[in-house]
PDB file of N, CA and C in Angstrom:
ATOM      1  N   MET A   1       6.788  83.321  26.943  1.00  0.00           N
ATOM      2  CA  MET A   1       7.820  84.280  27.241  1.00  0.00           C
ATOM      3  C   MET A   1       7.972  84.394  28.758  1.00  0.00           C
ATOM      4  N   LYS A   2       9.195  84.393  29.209  1.00  0.00           N
ATOM      5  CA  LYS A   2       9.503  84.507  30.632  1.00  0.00           C
ATOM      6  C   LYS A   2       9.702  85.983  30.980  1.00  0.00           C
ATOM      7  N   MET A   3       9.135  86.395  32.108  1.00  0.00           N
ATOM      8  CA  MET A   3       9.278  87.778  32.571  1.00  0.00           C
ATOM      9  C   MET A   3       9.797  87.768  34.014  1.00  0.00           C
ATOM     10  N   HIS A   4      10.757  88.636  34.306  1.00  0.00           N
ATOM     11  CA  HIS A   4      11.211  88.801  35.687  1.00  0.00           C
ATOM     12  C   HIS A   4      10.218  89.713  36.422  1.00  0.00           C
ATOM     13  N   PRO A   5       9.900  89.396  37.663  1.00  0.00           N
ATOM     14  CA  PRO A   5       9.038  90.306  38.435  1.00  0.00           C
ATOM     15  C   PRO A   5       9.800  91.581  38.775  1.00  0.00           C
ATOM     16  N   HIS A   6       9.067  92.615  39.106  1.00  0.00           N
ATOM     17  CA  HIS A   6       9.710  93.880  39.451  1.00  0.00           C
ATOM     18  C   HIS A   6       8.877  94.623  40.493  1.00  0.00           C
ATOM     19  N   PHE A   7       9.504  95.591  41.130  1.00  0.00           N
ATOM     20  CA  PHE A   7       8.829  96.485  42.071  1.00  0.00           C
ATOM     21  C   PHE A   7       8.844  97.896  41.504  1.00  0.00           C
ATOM     22  N   GLU A   8       7.789  98.644  41.767  1.00  0.00           N
ATOM     23  CA  GLU A   8       7.804 100.065  41.444  1.00  0.00           C
ATOM     24  C   GLU A   8       8.744 100.741  42.443  1.00  0.00           C
ATOM     25  N   ILE A   9       9.632 101.591  41.936  1.00  0.00           N
ATOM     26  CA  ILE A   9      10.572 102.273  42.814  1.00  0.00           C
ATOM     27  C   ILE A   9       9.825 103.157  43.807  1.00  0.00           C
ATOM     28  N   ASP A  10       8.751 103.811  43.388  1.00  0.00           N
ATOM     29  CA  ASP A  10       7.947 104.623  44.312  1.00  0.00           C
ATOM     30  C   ASP A  10       7.441 103.775  45.482  1.00  0.00           C
ATOM     31  N   TYR A  11       7.011 102.558  45.187  1.00  0.00           N
ATOM     32  CA  TYR A  11       6.540 101.655  46.246  1.00  0.00           C
ATOM     33  C   TYR A  11       7.681 101.368  47.229  1.00  0.00           C
ATOM     34  N   LEU A  12       8.863 101.047  46.703  1.00  0.00           N
ATOM     35  CA  LEU A  12       9.998 100.733  47.565  1.00  0.00           C
ATOM     36  C   LEU A  12      10.367 101.921  48.443  1.00  0.00           C
ATOM     37  N   LEU A  13      10.390 103.098  47.846  1.00  0.00           N
ATOM     38  CA  LEU A  13      10.758 104.292  48.613  1.00  0.00           C
ATOM     39  C   LEU A  13       9.723 104.634  49.678  1.00  0.00           C
ATOM     40  N   GLY A  14       8.504 104.175  49.526  1.00  0.00           N
ATOM     41  CA  GLY A  14       7.448 104.422  50.497  1.00  0.00           C
ATOM     42  C   GLY A  14       7.463 103.469  51.680  1.00  0.00           C
ATOM     43  N   ARG A  15       8.303 102.441  51.642  1.00  0.00           N
ATOM     44  CA  ARG A  15       8.380 101.479  52.733  1.00  0.00           C
ATOM     45  C   ARG A  15       9.290 102.006  53.850  1.00  0.00           C
ATOM     46  N   SER A  16       9.058 101.529  55.044  1.00  0.00           N
ATOM     47  CA  SER A  16       9.955 101.852  56.161  1.00  0.00           C
ATOM     48  C   SER A  16      11.300 101.166  55.910  1.00  0.00           C
ATOM     49  N   ASP A  17      12.331 101.573  56.628  1.00  0.00           N
ATOM     50  CA  ASP A  17      13.637 100.938  56.475  1.00  0.00           C
ATOM     51  C   ASP A  17      13.564  99.441  56.752  1.00  0.00           C
ATOM     52  N   CYS A  18      12.806  99.075  57.761  1.00  0.00           N
ATOM     53  CA  CYS A  18      12.665  97.655  58.118  1.00  0.00           C
ATOM     54  C   CYS A  18      12.001  96.881  56.980  1.00  0.00           C
ATOM     55  N   GLN A  19      10.924  97.433  56.428  1.00  0.00           N
ATOM     56  CA  GLN A  19      10.235  96.771  55.320  1.00  0.00           C
ATOM     57  C   GLN A  19      11.123  96.713  54.082  1.00  0.00           C
ATOM     58  N   LEU A  20      11.831  97.802  53.797  1.00  0.00           N
ATOM     59  CA  LEU A  20      12.708  97.845  52.639  1.00  0.00           C
ATOM     60  C   LEU A  20      13.818  96.803  52.762  1.00  0.00           C
ATOM     61  N   ALA A  21      14.356  96.630  53.954  1.00  0.00           N
ATOM     62  CA  ALA A  21      15.421  95.653  54.175  1.00  0.00           C
ATOM     63  C   ALA A  21      14.946  94.225  53.942  1.00  0.00           C
ATOM     64  N   GLU A  22      13.645  93.965  54.081  1.00  0.00           N
ATOM     65  CA  GLU A  22      13.099  92.636  53.806  1.00  0.00           C
ATOM     66  C   GLU A  22      12.953  92.378  52.310  1.00  0.00           C
ATOM     67  N   ILE A  23      12.923  93.458  51.522  1.00  0.00           N
ATOM     68  CA  ILE A  23      12.696  93.340  50.086  1.00  0.00           C
ATOM     69  C   ILE A  23      14.008  93.340  49.296  1.00  0.00           C
ATOM     70  N   ILE A  24      14.913  94.238  49.658  1.00  0.00           N
ATOM     71  CA  ILE A  24      16.160  94.372  48.901  1.00  0.00           C
ATOM     72  C   ILE A  24      17.353  94.204  49.834  1.00  0.00           C
ATOM     73  N   THR A  25      18.493  93.913  49.241  1.00  0.00           N
ATOM     74  CA  THR A  25      19.740  93.866  49.997  1.00  0.00           C
ATOM     75  C   THR A  25      20.591  95.042  49.581  1.00  0.00           C
ATOM     76  N   SER A  26      21.294  95.594  50.524  1.00  0.00           N
ATOM     77  CA  SER A  26      22.170  96.722  50.242  1.00  0.00           C
ATOM     78  C   SER A  26      23.528  96.408  50.851  1.00  0.00           C
ATOM     79  N   PRO A  27      24.602  96.677  50.100  1.00  0.00           N
ATOM     80  CA  PRO A  27      25.922  96.411  50.654  1.00  0.00           C
ATOM     81  C   PRO A  27      26.263  97.345  51.826  1.00  0.00           C
ATOM     82  N   THR A  28      25.526  98.421  51.974  1.00  0.00           N
ATOM     83  CA  THR A  28      25.824  99.362  53.046  1.00  0.00           C
ATOM     84  C   THR A  28      24.636  99.465  53.994  1.00  0.00           C
ATOM     85  N   ASP A  29      23.699 100.353  53.724  1.00  0.00           N
ATOM     86  CA  ASP A  29      22.542 100.527  54.604  1.00  0.00           C
ATOM     87  C   ASP A  29      21.346 100.999  53.803  1.00  0.00           C
ATOM     88  N   MET A  30      20.218 101.116  54.458  1.00  0.00           N
ATOM     89  CA  MET A  30      18.991 101.481  53.758  1.00  0.00           C
ATOM     90  C   MET A  30      19.021 102.923  53.250  1.00  0.00           C
ATOM     91  N   GLN A  31      19.735 103.809  53.917  1.00  0.00           N
ATOM     92  CA  GLN A  31      19.838 105.182  53.419  1.00  0.00           C
ATOM     93  C   GLN A  31      20.577 105.192  52.068  1.00  0.00           C
ATOM     94  N   GLN A  32      21.620 104.385  51.972  1.00  0.00           N
ATOM     95  CA  GLN A  32      22.343 104.264  50.707  1.00  0.00           C
ATOM     96  C   GLN A  32      21.454 103.634  49.643  1.00  0.00           C
ATOM     97  N   ALA A  33      20.688 102.623  50.030  1.00  0.00           N
ATOM     98  CA  ALA A  33      19.769 101.980  49.093  1.00  0.00           C
ATOM     99  C   ALA A  33      18.751 102.999  48.578  1.00  0.00           C
ATOM    100  N   ARG A  34      18.234 103.843  49.462  1.00  0.00           N
ATOM    101  CA  ARG A  34      17.273 104.876  49.059  1.00  0.00           C
ATOM    102  C   ARG A  34      17.917 105.877  48.087  1.00  0.00           C
ATOM    103  N   ARG A  35      19.160 106.237  48.349  1.00  0.00           N
ATOM    104  CA  ARG A  35      19.866 107.147  47.431  1.00  0.00           C
ATOM    105  C   ARG A  35      20.012 106.509  46.052  1.00  0.00           C
ATOM    106  N   GLU A  36      20.382 105.226  46.038  1.00  0.00           N
ATOM    107  CA  GLU A  36      20.561 104.536  44.757  1.00  0.00           C
ATOM    108  C   GLU A  36      19.237 104.394  44.007  1.00  0.00           C
ATOM    109  N   LEU A  37      18.158 104.126  44.739  1.00  0.00           N
ATOM    110  CA  LEU A  37      16.843 104.063  44.094  1.00  0.00           C
ATOM    111  C   LEU A  37      16.454 105.423  43.526  1.00  0.00           C
ATOM    112  N   GLY A  38      16.747 106.490  44.267  1.00  0.00           N
ATOM    113  CA  GLY A  38      16.482 107.844  43.780  1.00  0.00           C
ATOM    114  C   GLY A  38      17.290 108.166  42.533  1.00  0.00           C
ATOM    115  N   GLU A  39      18.536 107.697  42.495  1.00  0.00           N
ATOM    116  CA  GLU A  39      19.370 107.904  41.302  1.00  0.00           C
ATOM    117  C   GLU A  39      18.788 107.177  40.093  1.00  0.00           C
ATOM    118  N   LEU A  40      18.254 105.974  40.321  1.00  0.00           N
ATOM    119  CA  LEU A  40      17.609 105.251  39.218  1.00  0.00           C
ATOM    120  C   LEU A  40      16.399 106.024  38.701  1.00  0.00           C
ATOM    121  N   GLN A  41      15.618 106.586  39.618  1.00  0.00           N
ATOM    122  CA  GLN A  41      14.465 107.408  39.211  1.00  0.00           C
ATOM    123  C   GLN A  41      14.922 108.631  38.424  1.00  0.00           C
ATOM    124  N   ASP A  42      16.004 109.253  38.861  1.00  0.00           N
ATOM    125  CA  ASP A  42      16.529 110.420  38.165  1.00  0.00           C
ATOM    126  C   ASP A  42      16.919 110.080  36.726  1.00  0.00           C
ATOM    127  N   LYS A  43      17.284 108.822  36.486  1.00  0.00           N
ATOM    128  CA  LYS A  43      17.643 108.357  35.147  1.00  0.00           C
ATOM    129  C   LYS A  43      16.425 107.913  34.343  1.00  0.00           C
ATOM    130  N   GLY A  44      15.235 108.027  34.947  1.00  0.00           N
ATOM    131  CA  GLY A  44      14.014 107.689  34.216  1.00  0.00           C
ATOM    132  C   GLY A  44      13.447 106.313  34.513  1.00  0.00           C
ATOM    133  N   GLN A  45      14.086 105.552  35.395  1.00  0.00           N
ATOM    134  CA  GLN A  45      13.566 104.237  35.716  1.00  0.00           C
ATOM    135  C   GLN A  45      12.409 104.355  36.702  1.00  0.00           C
ATOM    136  N   GLN A  46      11.396 103.534  36.492  1.00  0.00           N
ATOM    137  CA  GLN A  46      10.244 103.478  37.374  1.00  0.00           C
ATOM    138  C   GLN A  46      10.187 102.155  38.132  1.00  0.00           C
ATOM    139  N   TYR A  47      10.938 101.156  37.666  1.00  0.00           N
ATOM    140  CA  TYR A  47      10.868  99.817  38.221  1.00  0.00           C
ATOM    141  C   TYR A  47      12.259  99.267  38.541  1.00  0.00           C
ATOM    142  N   LEU A  48      12.307  98.374  39.539  1.00  0.00           N
ATOM    143  CA  LEU A  48      13.521  97.653  39.887  1.00  0.00           C
ATOM    144  C   LEU A  48      13.206  96.172  39.708  1.00  0.00           C
ATOM    145  N   VAL A  49      13.927  95.515  38.794  1.00  0.00           N
ATOM    146  CA  VAL A  49      13.700  94.104  38.486  1.00  0.00           C
ATOM    147  C   VAL A  49      14.264  93.245  39.613  1.00  0.00           C
ATOM    148  N   VAL A  50      13.545  92.175  39.938  1.00  0.00           N
ATOM    149  CA  VAL A  50      14.004  91.213  40.922  1.00  0.00           C
ATOM    150  C   VAL A  50      14.961  90.243  40.234  1.00  0.00           C
ATOM    151  N   GLY A  51      16.170  90.119  40.758  1.00  0.00           N
ATOM    152  CA  GLY A  51      17.153  89.200  40.188  1.00  0.00           C
ATOM    153  C   GLY A  51      17.924  89.821  39.034  1.00  0.00           C
ATOM    154  N   ASP A  52      18.659  88.976  38.355  1.00  0.00           N
ATOM    155  CA  ASP A  52      19.479  89.415  37.219  1.00  0.00           C
ATOM    156  C   ASP A  52      18.647  89.383  35.951  1.00  0.00           C
ATOM    157  N   CYS A  53      18.604  90.508  35.258  1.00  0.00           N
ATOM    158  CA  CYS A  53      17.857  90.612  34.009  1.00  0.00           C
ATOM    159  C   CYS A  53      18.727  91.353  33.001  1.00  0.00           C
ATOM    160  N   ASP A  54      18.939  90.726  31.856  1.00  0.00           N
ATOM    161  CA  ASP A  54      19.773  91.347  30.830  1.00  0.00           C
ATOM    162  C   ASP A  54      18.957  91.918  29.671  1.00  0.00           C
ATOM    163  N   ASN A  55      17.643  92.088  29.891  1.00  0.00           N
ATOM    164  CA  ASN A  55      16.789  92.623  28.836  1.00  0.00           C
ATOM    165  C   ASN A  55      15.704  93.492  29.475  1.00  0.00           C
ATOM    166  N   THR A  56      16.050  94.752  29.709  1.00  0.00           N
ATOM    167  CA  THR A  56      15.108  95.647  30.381  1.00  0.00           C
ATOM    168  C   THR A  56      14.584  96.724  29.440  1.00  0.00           C
ATOM    169  N   ASN A  57      13.376  97.185  29.757  1.00  0.00           N
ATOM    170  CA  ASN A  57      12.782  98.331  29.059  1.00  0.00           C
ATOM    171  C   ASN A  57      13.408  99.604  29.616  1.00  0.00           C
ATOM    172  N   PRO A  58      13.255 100.721  28.907  1.00  0.00           N
ATOM    173  CA  PRO A  58      13.791 101.994  29.412  1.00  0.00           C
ATOM    174  C   PRO A  58      13.275 102.366  30.802  1.00  0.00           C
ATOM    175  N   ASP A  59      12.078 101.884  31.177  1.00  0.00           N
ATOM    176  CA  ASP A  59      11.538 102.205  32.496  1.00  0.00           C
ATOM    177  C   ASP A  59      12.085 101.293  33.593  1.00  0.00           C
ATOM    178  N   GLY A  60      12.962 100.345  33.232  1.00  0.00           N
ATOM    179  CA  GLY A  60      13.584  99.454  34.192  1.00  0.00           C
ATOM    180  C   GLY A  60      12.913  98.109  34.339  1.00  0.00           C
ATOM    181  N   SER A  61      11.720  97.937  33.775  1.00  0.00           N
ATOM    182  CA  SER A  61      11.018  96.662  33.877  1.00  0.00           C
ATOM    183  C   SER A  61      11.613  95.638  32.911  1.00  0.00           C
ATOM    184  N   CYS A  62      11.356  94.379  33.173  1.00  0.00           N
ATOM    185  CA  CYS A  62      11.842  93.306  32.295  1.00  0.00           C
ATOM    186  C   CYS A  62      11.118  93.365  30.959  1.00  0.00           C
ATOM    187  N   ALA A  63      11.881  93.243  29.874  1.00  0.00           N
ATOM    188  CA  ALA A  63      11.306  93.270  28.533  1.00  0.00           C
ATOM    189  C   ALA A  63      10.957  91.870  28.035  1.00  0.00           C
ATOM    190  N   GLY A  64      11.239  90.865  28.851  1.00  0.00           N
ATOM    191  CA  GLY A  64      10.898  89.502  28.487  1.00  0.00           C
ATOM    192  C   GLY A  64      12.056  88.722  27.925  1.00  0.00           C
ATOM    193  N   HIS A  65      11.932  87.399  28.032  1.00  0.00           N
ATOM    194  CA  HIS A  65      12.956  86.470  27.574  1.00  0.00           C
ATOM    195  C   HIS A  65      12.257  85.308  26.893  1.00  0.00           C
ATOM    196  N   PRO A  66      12.782  84.841  25.763  1.00  0.00           N
ATOM    197  CA  PRO A  66      12.152  83.710  25.071  1.00  0.00           C
ATOM    198  C   PRO A  66      12.141  82.477  25.977  1.00  0.00           C
ATOM    199  N   SER A  67      11.064  81.724  25.909  1.00  0.00           N
ATOM    200  CA  SER A  67      10.961  80.473  26.667  1.00  0.00           C
ATOM    201  C   SER A  67      11.747  79.390  25.945  1.00  0.00           C
ATOM    202  N   THR A  68      12.307  78.487  26.725  1.00  0.00           N
ATOM    203  CA  THR A  68      12.997  77.353  26.135  1.00  0.00           C
ATOM    204  C   THR A  68      11.975  76.246  25.897  1.00  0.00           C
ATOM    205  N   ALA A  69      12.345  75.242  25.119  1.00  0.00           N
ATOM    206  CA  ALA A  69      11.438  74.136  24.793  1.00  0.00           C
ATOM    207  C   ALA A  69      10.988  73.412  26.060  1.00  0.00           C
ATOM    208  N   GLU A  70      11.869  73.321  27.071  1.00  0.00           N
ATOM    209  CA  GLU A  70      11.507  72.613  28.312  1.00  0.00           C
ATOM    210  C   GLU A  70      10.461  73.390  29.108  1.00  0.00           C
ATOM    211  N   GLU A  71      10.417  74.720  28.956  1.00  0.00           N
ATOM    212  CA  GLU A  71       9.509  75.552  29.746  1.00  0.00           C
ATOM    213  C   GLU A  71       8.099  75.621  29.152  1.00  0.00           C
ATOM    214  N   VAL A  72       7.954  75.233  27.888  1.00  0.00           N
ATOM    215  CA  VAL A  72       6.655  75.340  27.217  1.00  0.00           C
ATOM    216  C   VAL A  72       5.732  74.249  27.619  1.00  0.00           C
TER     217      VAL A  72
END
């Protein structure tokens, strides 16, 4: 089973703006990114998945994806 990596939102919010900018991209600025991360927490998410994931758990983490025959 393939799993997308993720970051704990608390960890991300604890980083300096410079460190956060190295981890995530924001279309505006790091203050906006922090607001958006806070909004995700308000919705009950604890994790931010790296990349595109179409199968997440309620906490925001990747719920896994079936492996293809080539990946086994």
